[in-house]
Amino acid sequence: MKEILIKPLITEKMTNITADKGKYGFLVNNQSNKIEIAKAIEKKFNVHVLTVRTINYPGKLKTQFRKSGRFVGRTASYKKAVVTLKKGETIELFEQV
């Protein structure tokens, strides 16, 4: 079985959104869908999820020039999910930040 939730997003922008609107951000598996994400969060944190919004970020092509020549590589692609919880519910993990 694939791991759906990879790690929580703790950035300045997500912290502001969490404080104002009760939304939480997570990095999730690229193959997971909104239903799987909602069920995983409900099971892990014992909360009720209202909406899930997902954003796919494709990997970018990067080029390095060195003495020995040119190297072409790619950054990792990832998927981000922003989850809205039922009013009055919070996730304890984010409250400590």
Protein backbone atom coordinates (compact mmCIF):
# COMPACT_ATOMS: atom_id res chain seq x y z
CA MET A 1 0.00 0.00 0.00
CA LYS A 2 1.29 3.43 -0.87
CA GLU A 3 1.93 6.05 1.76
CA ILE A 4 -0.45 8.94 1.04
CA LEU A 5 0.72 11.65 3.45
CA ILE A 6 4.43 12.40 3.12
CA LYS A 7 4.88 15.42 5.40
CA PRO A 8 3.06 18.56 6.56
CA LEU A 9 3.82 21.88 4.89
CA ILE A 10 5.11 24.33 7.46
CA THR A 11 5.87 27.50 5.55
CA GLU A 12 5.14 31.13 6.30
CA LYS A 13 2.27 31.26 3.81
CA MET A 14 0.65 28.05 5.08
CA THR A 15 0.99 29.22 8.69
CA ASN A 16 -0.92 32.42 7.86
CA ILE A 17 -3.66 30.47 6.05
CA THR A 18 -3.92 28.03 8.95
CA ALA A 19 -4.32 30.82 11.49
CA ASP A 20 -6.95 32.72 9.48
CA LYS A 21 -9.07 30.10 7.72
CA GLY A 22 -8.43 26.71 9.31
CA LYS A 23 -6.71 25.21 6.27
CA TYR A 24 -3.75 22.85 6.47
CA GLY A 25 -1.16 21.92 3.85
CA PHE A 26 0.50 18.56 3.21
CA LEU A 27 2.91 17.08 0.70
CA VAL A 28 1.20 13.96 -0.63
CA ASN A 29 1.94 11.06 -2.94
CA ASN A 30 1.74 11.97 -6.65
CA GLN A 31 -0.65 9.10 -7.42
CA SER A 32 -3.12 9.79 -4.58
CA ASN A 33 -6.49 11.40 -5.27
CA LYS A 34 -8.63 13.76 -3.18
CA ILE A 35 -10.78 11.00 -1.66
CA GLU A 36 -7.74 9.03 -0.50
CA ILE A 37 -6.14 12.18 0.94
CA ALA A 38 -9.30 13.09 2.88
CA LYS A 39 -9.65 9.57 4.31
CA ALA A 40 -5.97 9.45 5.33
CA ILE A 41 -6.18 12.78 7.17
CA GLU A 42 -9.44 11.85 8.89
CA LYS A 43 -7.96 8.53 10.03
CA LYS A 44 -4.59 9.89 11.18
CA PHE A 45 -5.70 13.08 12.95
CA ASN A 46 -9.30 12.15 13.91
CA VAL A 47 -10.90 15.23 12.28
CA HIS A 48 -13.61 15.86 9.66
CA VAL A 49 -12.40 17.07 6.24
CA LEU A 50 -14.70 19.36 4.25
CA THR A 51 -12.64 20.05 1.10
CA VAL A 52 -9.34 19.00 -0.44
CA ARG A 53 -7.55 21.08 -3.05
CA THR A 54 -4.54 19.58 -4.83
CA ILE A 55 -1.72 21.15 -6.82
CA ASN A 56 0.74 19.20 -8.99
CA TYR A 57 4.24 20.59 -9.40
CA PRO A 58 6.25 18.97 -12.21
CA GLY A 59 10.01 18.63 -11.88
CA LYS A 60 12.09 21.32 -13.56
CA LEU A 61 15.02 20.76 -15.88
CA LYS A 62 18.30 22.02 -14.40
CA THR A 63 21.64 22.44 -16.17
CA GLN A 64 25.09 22.77 -14.57
CA PHE A 65 28.23 23.84 -16.34
CA ARG A 66 31.47 22.50 -14.85
CA LYS A 67 35.06 22.11 -15.95
CA SER A 68 34.36 18.57 -17.06
CA GLY A 69 31.32 19.52 -19.15
CA ARG A 70 27.61 20.08 -19.01
CA PHE A 71 25.27 18.11 -16.72
CA VAL A 72 21.52 18.00 -17.23
CA GLY A 73 19.28 16.89 -14.41
CA ARG A 74 15.77 17.23 -13.11
CA THR A 75 14.33 18.33 -9.77
CA ALA A 76 11.76 16.11 -8.09
CA SER A 77 8.09 16.53 -8.91
CA TYR A 78 5.63 16.67 -6.01
CA LYS A 79 1.97 17.13 -5.16
CA LYS A 80 0.61 19.50 -2.54
CA ALA A 81 -2.80 19.26 -0.85
CA VAL A 82 -4.59 22.05 1.04
CA VAL A 83 -7.25 20.64 3.35
CA THR A 84 -10.15 22.52 4.97
CA LEU A 85 -11.44 21.10 8.24
CA LYS A 86 -14.84 21.34 9.91
CA LYS A 87 -15.27 24.55 11.90
CA GLY A 88 -13.77 24.35 15.36
CA GLU A 89 -11.43 21.42 14.63
CA THR A 90 -7.65 21.70 14.55
CA ILE A 91 -4.66 19.47 13.97
CA GLU A 92 -2.37 19.44 17.01
CA LEU A 93 0.78 19.08 14.90
CA PHE A 94 0.35 22.59 13.47
CA GLU A 95 -0.56 24.27 16.74
CA GLN A 96 2.97 23.77 18.10
CA VAL A 97 4.58 25.88 15.36
